[in-house]
Protein backbone atom coordinates (compact mmCIF):
# COMPACT_ATOMS: atom_id res chain seq x y z
CA MET A 1 -218.21 -23.16 12.33
CA PHE A 2 -219.91 -25.59 9.98
CA GLU A 3 -218.87 -29.21 10.52
CA PRO A 4 -221.80 -31.55 9.74
CA VAL A 5 -221.27 -35.21 10.56
CA THR A 6 -223.05 -36.23 7.35
CA LYS A 7 -222.21 -34.34 4.18
CA PRO A 8 -225.10 -32.19 2.91
CA ARG A 9 -226.09 -32.20 -0.73
CA ASP A 10 -225.67 -28.93 -2.65
CA TYR A 11 -229.35 -28.00 -2.37
CA GLN A 12 -229.36 -28.77 1.37
CA LEU A 13 -226.34 -26.53 1.85
CA ALA A 14 -228.10 -23.78 -0.13
CA ALA A 15 -231.11 -24.09 2.19
CA VAL A 16 -228.94 -23.89 5.32
CA LYS A 17 -227.21 -20.78 3.96
CA TRP A 18 -230.57 -19.20 3.18
CA LEU A 19 -231.86 -19.85 6.71
CA ALA A 20 -228.59 -18.64 8.27
CA LYS A 21 -229.12 -15.32 6.51
CA LYS A 22 -232.90 -14.99 7.00
CA GLU A 23 -233.17 -16.37 10.57
CA HIS A 24 -236.76 -17.42 9.80
CA GLY A 25 -238.68 -18.71 6.80
CA MET A 26 -240.21 -21.74 5.12
CA LEU A 27 -238.48 -24.76 3.62
CA LEU A 28 -240.85 -26.00 0.92
CA MET A 29 -238.99 -29.25 0.36
CA ASP A 30 -240.46 -32.30 -1.33
CA THR A 31 -240.74 -35.54 0.57
CA ARG A 32 -237.46 -37.49 0.67
CA THR A 33 -235.23 -34.49 -0.12
CA GLY A 34 -233.91 -34.48 3.44
CA LYS A 35 -235.63 -31.48 5.02
CA THR A 36 -235.10 -32.96 8.50
CA LYS A 37 -231.34 -33.37 7.95
CA THR A 38 -231.20 -29.85 6.47
CA THR A 39 -232.98 -28.42 9.50
CA ILE A 40 -230.74 -30.31 11.93
CA ASP A 41 -227.66 -28.87 10.20
CA TRP A 42 -229.14 -25.38 10.58
CA LEU A 43 -230.00 -25.95 14.25
CA SER A 44 -226.50 -27.33 14.95
CA TRP A 45 -225.02 -24.25 13.25
CA LEU A 46 -227.22 -21.97 15.37
CA MET A 47 -226.09 -23.66 18.56
CA HIS A 48 -222.42 -23.26 17.68
CA ASN A 49 -222.55 -19.81 16.06
CA ARG A 50 -225.53 -18.01 17.60
CA ASP A 51 -225.46 -19.56 21.08
CA VAL A 52 -228.96 -21.01 20.71
CA ARG A 53 -229.69 -23.18 23.74
CA TYR A 54 -233.39 -24.01 23.56
CA ILE A 55 -235.05 -25.61 20.52
CA VAL A 56 -238.66 -26.73 20.15
CA VAL A 57 -239.61 -29.05 17.29
CA ILE A 58 -243.36 -29.43 16.74
CA CYS A 59 -244.31 -32.37 14.53
CA PRO A 60 -246.98 -35.05 14.02
CA LYS A 61 -246.98 -37.67 16.75
CA ILE A 62 -245.90 -40.36 14.31
CA ALA A 63 -242.81 -38.28 13.41
CA ILE A 64 -241.35 -38.10 16.94
CA ASP A 65 -239.40 -41.33 16.48
CA VAL A 66 -238.17 -40.11 13.08
CA TRP A 67 -236.77 -36.94 14.64
CA VAL A 68 -235.04 -38.93 17.38
CA ARG A 69 -233.34 -41.15 14.80
CA GLU A 70 -232.40 -38.22 12.55
CA LEU A 71 -230.92 -36.27 15.47
CA GLN A 72 -228.84 -39.28 16.45
CA GLN A 73 -227.56 -39.52 12.88
CA HIS A 74 -227.07 -35.87 11.85
CA TYR A 75 -226.84 -33.61 14.93
CA TRP A 76 -223.41 -32.03 15.41
CA GLY A 77 -224.18 -29.27 17.87
CA PRO A 78 -222.95 -29.16 21.47
CA GLU A 79 -224.11 -31.77 23.97
CA ALA A 80 -227.84 -31.32 24.56
CA ASP A 81 -230.81 -32.96 26.26
CA ILE A 82 -233.40 -34.39 23.87
CA VAL A 83 -236.82 -34.37 25.51
CA TYR A 84 -240.09 -35.73 24.12
CA ASP A 85 -242.24 -36.51 27.14
CA GLY A 86 -242.70 -33.47 29.33
CA ALA A 87 -240.14 -31.58 31.46
CA TYR A 88 -240.00 -28.79 28.89
CA GLU A 89 -238.40 -26.05 31.01
CA ALA A 90 -235.04 -24.66 29.86
CA THR A 91 -232.06 -26.03 31.78
CA ALA A 92 -228.33 -25.34 32.06
CA LEU A 93 -227.61 -27.87 29.31
CA PRO A 94 -228.92 -26.96 25.81
CA LYS A 95 -232.26 -28.66 25.22
CA ILE A 96 -234.11 -29.95 22.16
CA VAL A 97 -237.81 -30.49 22.84
CA LEU A 98 -239.86 -32.74 20.52
CA ILE A 99 -243.59 -32.21 20.90
CA ASN A 100 -246.59 -33.22 18.80
CA TYR A 101 -249.28 -30.93 17.42
CA ASP A 102 -252.05 -32.54 19.45
CA LYS A 103 -250.61 -31.05 22.62
CA PHE A 104 -251.60 -27.60 21.35
CA SER A 105 -255.15 -28.67 20.51
CA ARG A 106 -255.72 -29.55 24.18
CA GLY A 107 -253.92 -26.55 25.66
CA TYR A 108 -250.55 -24.82 25.87
CA PRO A 109 -247.96 -27.31 27.18
CA LYS A 110 -246.99 -26.36 30.72
CA GLY A 111 -243.46 -25.08 31.09
CA LEU A 112 -242.77 -24.62 27.38
CA PHE A 113 -240.22 -21.79 26.98
CA LYS A 114 -240.03 -21.30 30.75
CA GLY A 115 -236.59 -19.86 31.45
CA ALA A 116 -235.69 -19.69 27.75
CA GLU A 117 -234.39 -16.46 26.20
CA TYR A 118 -235.81 -15.11 22.92
CA HIS A 119 -232.42 -14.59 21.27
CA ALA A 120 -231.26 -18.07 22.28
CA SER A 121 -234.34 -20.01 21.15
CA ALA A 122 -235.53 -21.65 17.92
CA ILE A 123 -238.80 -23.27 16.81
CA VAL A 124 -239.32 -25.78 14.01
CA LEU A 125 -242.78 -26.57 12.63
CA ASP A 126 -242.54 -29.89 10.80
CA GLU A 127 -245.48 -30.46 8.42
CA SER A 128 -246.43 -26.84 9.08
CA HIS A 129 -249.55 -27.05 6.91
CA LEU A 130 -251.16 -28.62 9.99
CA ILE A 131 -251.72 -25.07 11.28
CA LYS A 132 -253.51 -24.08 8.06
CA THR A 133 -256.80 -23.22 9.83
CA PRO A 134 -256.26 -19.73 11.28
CA ALA A 135 -259.16 -19.87 13.75
CA SER A 136 -258.25 -23.24 15.30
CA LYS A 137 -256.90 -23.39 18.85
CA ARG A 138 -253.84 -25.25 17.62
CA SER A 139 -253.03 -22.62 15.00
CA ARG A 140 -253.58 -19.62 17.32
CA ARG A 141 -251.42 -21.10 20.07
CA ILE A 142 -248.57 -22.06 17.78
CA VAL A 143 -248.57 -18.79 15.83
CA GLY A 144 -248.52 -16.96 19.16
CA MET A 145 -245.28 -18.77 20.02
CA ALA A 146 -243.40 -16.78 17.37
CA LYS A 147 -242.71 -14.12 19.99
CA SER A 148 -240.83 -16.70 22.08
CA ALA A 149 -238.00 -17.48 19.65
CA ARG A 150 -235.83 -15.45 17.31
CA TYR A 151 -235.19 -18.35 14.92
CA ARG A 152 -238.19 -20.04 13.28
CA VAL A 153 -238.77 -22.32 10.33
CA CYS A 154 -241.76 -24.04 8.73
CA LEU A 155 -241.20 -27.34 6.93
CA THR A 156 -243.70 -28.65 4.37
CA ALA A 157 -243.98 -29.91 0.83
CA THR A 158 -247.60 -28.79 0.58
CA PRO A 159 -248.00 -25.22 1.88
CA VAL A 160 -251.38 -24.75 0.17
CA GLY A 161 -253.99 -27.28 -0.90
CA LYS A 162 -256.40 -26.02 -3.51
CA ARG A 163 -256.55 -22.72 -5.35
CA ASN A 164 -259.66 -21.71 -3.41
CA MET A 165 -257.74 -22.16 -0.14
CA VAL A 166 -255.29 -19.31 -0.66
CA GLY A 167 -255.54 -18.40 3.02
CA GLU A 168 -254.13 -21.73 4.25
CA ILE A 169 -250.60 -20.40 4.07
CA TYR A 170 -251.37 -17.28 6.14
CA PRO A 171 -250.69 -18.82 9.62
CA GLN A 172 -247.43 -20.30 8.32
CA LEU A 173 -246.29 -16.98 6.88
CA VAL A 174 -247.24 -15.09 10.04
CA PHE A 175 -245.43 -17.63 12.22
CA SER A 176 -242.24 -17.30 10.19
CA ASP A 177 -242.53 -13.51 9.92
CA PRO A 178 -245.10 -11.75 12.18
CA SER A 179 -244.40 -8.43 10.42
CA ILE A 180 -246.71 -9.64 7.62
CA ARG A 181 -249.55 -8.60 9.91
CA SER A 182 -248.71 -4.96 9.23
CA GLU A 183 -250.01 -5.44 5.68
CA PHE A 184 -252.49 -8.26 6.36
CA PRO A 185 -253.74 -7.94 9.95
CA SER A 186 -256.04 -10.95 9.68
CA ALA A 187 -256.55 -14.16 7.74
CA LYS A 188 -259.72 -12.63 6.32
CA SER A 189 -257.87 -9.61 4.90
CA PHE A 190 -255.25 -11.93 3.40
CA ARG A 191 -257.86 -14.22 1.85
CA GLU A 192 -259.88 -11.35 0.41
CA TYR A 193 -256.84 -9.63 -1.09
CA PHE A 194 -255.79 -12.74 -2.96
CA GLY A 195 -259.22 -14.07 -3.91
CA GLU A 196 -262.63 -13.01 -5.20
CA TRP A 197 -265.43 -14.14 -2.90
CA SER A 198 -269.20 -14.07 -2.61
CA ASN A 199 -271.56 -15.12 0.17
CA PHE A 200 -273.41 -18.43 0.03
CA GLY A 201 -275.57 -19.47 2.96
CA GLY A 202 -273.51 -17.34 5.31
CA PHE A 203 -270.23 -18.88 4.11
CA PRO A 204 -267.62 -17.38 1.75
CA LYS A 205 -267.69 -18.90 -1.75
CA TYR A 206 -264.55 -18.70 -3.85
CA LEU A 207 -265.00 -17.15 -7.30
CA GLY A 208 -261.44 -16.82 -8.55
CA PRO A 209 -257.90 -15.54 -7.81
CA ARG A 210 -256.76 -11.95 -7.34
CA ASN A 211 -253.26 -10.45 -7.33
CA THR A 212 -251.74 -13.81 -8.23
CA GLU A 213 -248.27 -12.46 -9.00
CA GLU A 214 -248.12 -10.72 -5.63
CA TYR A 215 -249.25 -13.93 -3.92
CA GLN A 216 -246.49 -15.96 -5.52
CA ALA A 217 -243.92 -13.24 -4.86
CA LEU A 218 -244.88 -13.10 -1.17
CA ILE A 219 -244.45 -16.84 -0.76
CA LYS A 220 -241.15 -16.87 -2.66
CA ALA A 221 -239.78 -14.02 -0.54
CA HIS A 222 -240.30 -16.10 2.60
CA SER A 223 -239.36 -19.54 1.37
CA ILE A 224 -236.88 -21.70 -0.46
CA SER A 225 -238.36 -24.49 -2.56
CA ILE A 226 -236.76 -27.82 -3.50
CA SER A 227 -238.35 -30.41 -5.76
CA ARG A 228 -237.43 -34.05 -5.51
CA GLU A 229 -236.80 -34.57 -9.22
CA ASP A 230 -234.42 -31.59 -9.48
CA ALA A 231 -232.69 -32.21 -6.15
CA ILE A 232 -231.85 -35.90 -6.18
CA GLY A 233 -232.81 -36.96 -9.68
CA THR A 234 -235.39 -39.50 -8.58
CA LYS A 235 -237.93 -40.81 -11.03
CA ALA A 236 -241.18 -38.91 -11.16
CA ILE A 237 -244.11 -40.88 -9.75
CA ASP A 238 -245.95 -42.70 -12.52
CA GLU A 239 -249.61 -41.87 -11.99
CA GLU A 240 -252.30 -43.97 -13.67
CA VAL A 241 -256.06 -43.57 -13.55
CA VAL A 242 -258.14 -46.75 -13.65
CA PRO A 243 -261.79 -46.00 -14.48
CA VAL A 244 -264.28 -48.30 -12.77
CA PHE A 245 -268.03 -48.48 -13.32
CA LEU A 246 -271.08 -49.05 -11.19
CA GLU A 247 -273.37 -51.83 -12.37
CA GLU A 248 -276.24 -50.34 -14.39
CA SER A 249 -278.81 -51.08 -11.70
CA ARG A 250 -276.66 -49.48 -9.01
CA LYS A 251 -275.90 -46.53 -11.26
CA ALA A 252 -279.61 -45.89 -11.79
CA ILE A 253 -280.20 -45.95 -8.02
CA TYR A 254 -277.25 -43.57 -7.48
CA GLN A 255 -278.58 -41.10 -10.03
CA ALA A 256 -282.13 -41.27 -8.66
CA MET A 257 -280.86 -40.63 -5.12
CA VAL A 258 -278.90 -37.58 -6.28
CA ARG A 259 -281.93 -36.15 -8.17
CA ASP A 260 -284.23 -36.62 -5.17
CA GLU A 261 -281.72 -35.08 -2.75
CA LEU A 262 -281.10 -32.11 -5.06
CA ASP A 263 -284.86 -31.45 -5.26
CA ILE A 264 -284.94 -31.31 -1.48
CA LEU A 265 -281.92 -29.00 -1.39
CA GLU A 266 -283.49 -26.65 -3.91
CA ALA A 267 -286.55 -26.38 -1.70
CA GLN A 268 -284.40 -25.69 1.36
CA GLY A 269 -282.38 -22.95 -0.37
CA GLU A 270 -279.39 -21.57 1.52
CA SER A 271 -280.42 -23.35 4.72
CA GLY A 272 -279.49 -26.71 3.24
CA ALA A 273 -275.72 -26.58 3.83
CA ASP A 274 -275.79 -29.57 6.22
CA SER A 275 -277.84 -31.55 3.71
CA VAL A 276 -275.21 -30.88 1.03
CA LEU A 277 -272.56 -32.48 3.24
CA ALA A 278 -274.84 -35.43 3.95
CA LEU A 279 -275.44 -35.94 0.22
CA PHE A 280 -271.72 -35.72 -0.48
CA SER A 281 -271.03 -38.36 2.17
CA LYS A 282 -273.64 -40.71 0.67
CA CYS A 283 -272.24 -40.22 -2.83
CA ARG A 284 -268.70 -41.02 -1.66
CA ARG A 285 -269.85 -44.21 0.03
CA LEU A 286 -271.77 -45.42 -3.01
CA ALA A 287 -268.86 -44.56 -5.32
CA GLU A 288 -266.61 -46.78 -3.17
CA GLY A 289 -269.20 -49.58 -3.23
CA LEU A 290 -270.50 -49.14 0.31
CA SER A 291 -274.06 -49.18 1.56
CA THR A 292 -275.42 -45.84 2.82
CA GLY A 293 -277.87 -47.36 5.28
CA GLU A 294 -278.16 -50.12 7.83
CA GLY A 295 -277.41 -53.70 6.89
CA ARG A 296 -274.68 -55.13 4.74
CA LEU A 297 -271.40 -53.31 4.38
CA VAL A 298 -270.80 -53.73 0.65
CA TYR A 299 -273.42 -52.29 -1.66
CA SER A 300 -271.55 -52.83 -4.94
CA GLY A 301 -268.53 -54.99 -5.68
CA HIS A 302 -267.28 -52.91 -8.63
CA LYS A 303 -264.18 -51.60 -6.86
CA LEU A 304 -263.30 -54.89 -5.23
CA VAL A 305 -263.43 -56.57 -8.64
CA ALA A 306 -261.13 -53.88 -10.06
CA LEU A 307 -258.83 -54.29 -7.05
CA ASP A 308 -258.62 -58.03 -7.75
CA ALA A 309 -257.36 -57.28 -11.27
CA LEU A 310 -254.72 -54.89 -9.91
CA ARG A 311 -253.66 -57.43 -7.30
CA GLU A 312 -253.17 -59.98 -10.06
CA ALA A 313 -250.91 -57.52 -11.90
CA TYR A 314 -248.93 -56.50 -8.80
CA ARG A 315 -248.07 -59.56 -6.70
CA GLY A 316 -245.54 -57.96 -4.35
CA ARG A 317 -246.08 -55.59 -1.43
CA ILE A 318 -248.73 -52.97 -2.18
CA VAL A 319 -250.52 -50.16 -0.34
CA VAL A 320 -254.28 -49.58 -0.66
CA ALA A 321 -255.69 -46.29 0.69
CA SER A 322 -259.12 -44.92 1.55
CA GLU A 323 -260.43 -42.38 4.05
CA LEU A 324 -263.59 -44.43 4.64
CA LEU A 325 -263.03 -46.94 7.43
CA ASP A 326 -265.75 -49.22 6.09
CA SER A 327 -263.84 -49.44 2.82
CA LEU A 328 -260.72 -50.46 4.74
CA THR A 329 -262.77 -53.20 6.43
CA ALA A 330 -264.18 -54.38 3.09
CA ILE A 331 -260.67 -54.56 1.58
CA GLU A 332 -259.33 -56.31 4.65
CA ARG A 333 -262.01 -58.99 4.38
CA HIS A 334 -261.60 -59.35 0.63
CA LEU A 335 -257.82 -59.69 0.25
CA ASP A 336 -255.28 -61.99 1.89
CA HIS A 337 -252.16 -60.98 3.82
CA THR A 338 -253.45 -57.56 4.90
CA TYR A 339 -251.94 -55.22 7.47
CA ARG A 340 -254.17 -52.38 8.65
CA LEU A 341 -252.97 -48.91 9.61
CA ASP A 342 -255.57 -46.41 10.83
CA GLY A 343 -256.31 -44.18 13.80
CA LYS A 344 -257.08 -47.15 16.05
CA THR A 345 -253.74 -48.86 15.36
CA LYS A 346 -251.81 -48.67 18.63
CA ASP A 347 -248.38 -49.82 17.46
CA LYS A 348 -248.02 -48.38 13.97
CA THR A 349 -244.30 -49.11 13.78
CA SER A 350 -244.86 -52.83 14.36
CA VAL A 351 -247.54 -52.99 11.66
CA LEU A 352 -245.27 -51.24 9.16
CA ASP A 353 -242.32 -53.47 10.03
CA ALA A 354 -244.45 -56.61 9.62
CA TRP A 355 -245.69 -55.44 6.23
CA LYS A 356 -242.17 -54.57 5.08
CA ALA A 357 -240.94 -58.00 6.19
CA SER A 358 -243.62 -59.74 4.12
CA LYS A 359 -243.19 -60.67 0.48
CA ASP A 360 -246.73 -59.95 -0.70
CA GLY A 361 -248.42 -58.01 2.08
CA VAL A 362 -251.23 -55.52 1.47
CA LEU A 363 -250.97 -52.43 3.69
CA VAL A 364 -254.52 -51.12 4.08
CA VAL A 365 -254.29 -47.52 5.26
CA ASN A 366 -256.24 -44.47 6.19
CA PRO A 367 -254.16 -41.74 4.49
CA GLN A 368 -254.98 -39.24 7.22
CA VAL A 369 -252.90 -41.42 9.54
CA ALA A 370 -250.18 -42.62 7.17
CA ALA A 371 -249.56 -39.55 4.99
CA THR A 372 -246.73 -38.11 7.10
CA ALA A 373 -243.39 -39.42 8.34
CA VAL A 374 -243.95 -42.95 6.96
CA ASP A 375 -241.61 -44.43 4.35
CA MET A 376 -243.32 -46.94 2.05
CA ARG A 377 -240.64 -47.29 -0.60
CA GLU A 378 -241.01 -51.08 -0.36
CA ALA A 379 -244.39 -50.84 -2.08
CA GLU A 380 -244.67 -52.03 -5.65
CA VAL A 381 -247.64 -49.70 -6.09
CA LEU A 382 -249.94 -47.40 -4.12
CA VAL A 383 -253.61 -47.85 -5.00
CA TRP A 384 -256.09 -45.12 -4.19
CA TYR A 385 -259.22 -47.23 -3.59
CA GLY A 386 -261.14 -44.12 -2.61
CA LEU A 387 -260.19 -40.51 -3.31
CA PRO A 388 -259.43 -38.15 -0.43
CA THR A 389 -261.14 -34.78 -0.16
CA SER A 390 -257.88 -32.98 0.65
CA ALA A 391 -255.23 -32.25 -1.97
CA LEU A 392 -252.67 -32.14 0.85
CA THR A 393 -253.57 -35.67 1.89
CA TYR A 394 -253.41 -36.90 -1.70
CA ARG A 395 -250.02 -35.34 -2.32
CA GLN A 396 -248.46 -36.48 0.94
CA MET A 397 -249.79 -40.02 0.81
CA SER A 398 -248.68 -40.44 -2.80
CA ASP A 399 -245.22 -39.22 -1.82
CA ARG A 400 -244.87 -42.13 0.61
CA VAL A 401 -243.79 -44.33 -2.31
CA ALA A 402 -241.58 -41.68 -3.95
CA LEU A 403 -238.31 -43.51 -3.26
CA ALA A 404 -239.44 -46.84 -4.68
CA ALA A 405 -237.32 -48.11 -7.58
CA ASP A 406 -240.23 -47.41 -9.94
CA PRO A 407 -242.70 -45.33 -7.95
CA LYS A 408 -246.25 -45.88 -9.14
CA VAL A 409 -249.64 -44.60 -8.00
CA ILE A 410 -252.93 -45.98 -9.35
CA VAL A 411 -256.11 -43.99 -8.83
CA MET A 412 -259.43 -45.84 -9.04
CA VAL A 413 -262.18 -43.44 -10.16
CA THR A 414 -265.81 -44.55 -10.31
CA GLN A 415 -267.17 -42.95 -13.46
CA ASP A 416 -270.25 -40.67 -13.49
CA THR A 417 -270.11 -40.21 -9.71
CA VAL A 418 -268.77 -37.67 -7.24
CA GLU A 419 -265.31 -39.20 -7.72
CA ASP A 420 -265.09 -37.57 -11.16
CA SER A 421 -265.33 -34.16 -9.50
CA LEU A 422 -262.96 -35.13 -6.68
CA TRP A 423 -260.33 -36.29 -9.13
CA ALA A 424 -260.64 -33.12 -11.24
CA SER A 425 -260.23 -31.05 -8.08
CA LEU A 426 -257.10 -32.97 -7.02
CA GLN A 427 -255.55 -32.51 -10.47
CA GLU A 428 -256.24 -28.77 -10.39
CA ALA A 429 -254.65 -28.54 -6.95
CA THR A 430 -251.52 -30.29 -8.26
CA GLU A 431 -251.17 -27.69 -11.00
CA PHE A 432 -251.68 -24.88 -8.49
CA ARG A 433 -248.91 -26.27 -6.30
CA LYS A 434 -246.54 -26.26 -9.27
CA GLU A 435 -247.29 -22.56 -9.78
CA ILE A 436 -246.33 -21.79 -6.20
CA MET A 437 -243.24 -23.95 -5.85
CA ASN A 438 -240.02 -22.52 -7.27
CA ASP A 439 -237.57 -24.51 -9.33
CA THR A 440 -234.66 -25.71 -7.21
CA ARG A 441 -232.18 -24.61 -9.84
CA ASN A 442 -233.07 -20.98 -9.12
CA TYR A 443 -231.29 -21.41 -5.80
CA LEU A 444 -228.56 -23.86 -6.71
CA LEU A 445 -227.33 -21.66 -9.54
CA GLY A 446 -228.09 -18.25 -8.04
CA GLU A 447 -225.18 -16.09 -6.94
CA THR A 448 -227.02 -14.86 -3.84
CA TYR A 449 -226.70 -18.04 -1.81
CA ALA A 450 -224.26 -20.30 -3.64
CA SER A 451 -221.42 -17.78 -3.34
CA GLU A 452 -221.83 -17.20 0.39
CA SER A 453 -220.09 -19.10 3.17
CA ILE A 454 -221.73 -20.03 6.43
């Protein structure tokens, strides 16, 4: 039986067929290609055709409401309880449990999978890259759940960040298929097989890739990949770099600070790892125009001046992003009609709705909060005021505007500062992701899946 209430696109149908055959795997689907709808069709099919009665969906907290709405729109399985606030135990009526990742950071949720049978259970990890750290409590607890359900799927558009983080995908692969441990019993063995490493200050330092073809083949064997441009023909995001410059006096101070700190680090040798992080933090703040010490918030107005020029060019609704909360405060004070979205925002939905209802609002966001499950297609442009350190964050936040009529992302890069290196790293990570992700057409045109019926 396959009777979806909303018609799936060809690529979504191909993904459902692939999961129906595999029983577990990874959907590497770009933002806005409908991975939630695809997954709901698969879950509905499982409930009708495989007698699955207990489903757990683990997602970011901000995505709970999205899953509730999507289930109401697309679910066509038998009558079921939808639970997202405790009472997790299996019951006579089929149950769909929505639970956020933070629950697993604090402990294993009481009652989860109690009374549920392995062959009648399924688990969905939405934004599965959030278990990328193998040693974290969250990752260990969630990966350990694989033994509780026969049917498992990971959903993400960004399975790996940078090339030197080849091991990030290991927990996701092991969750979807624990048999991988027979070849790679640990994250360390996986990382060392696919990368060359040395030791620096007691920490592994990445030197370069190993066995790249095997790495790509392993990921492809356990995943189906769908790009937004191929799947739904949307416009590619127009990405523009706007170089900005420190005033000469500030630039001289920046360079002198870096030289002095590097002299100290050289004297400390390998024991200076903490000092490296402190220097990096200072450099980021100065590059964004912030003071590194006590006193006034803004050290240099170079980015605010550049932001004024962009605001003059884009008079509609815009989004401005930075990971530094002081930068968000500086922007908020500098521009009119701002709406702030960060970790301290209690009612994020109301803030987003107010911004969307405005004609010329500026949504000032911390991308670590807003990079998942938030649709910002109303934005005329997304401006990266400060660069993130994570390629995953950059990719996901930029994708928030993917469905705009003319999606555009502007990246402000302070020249001759740490932001040069950050930007180069983010670009390299983008190219690495392209190497990993398959072309959708491989699946849409392939005989293996397109010719099968569900």
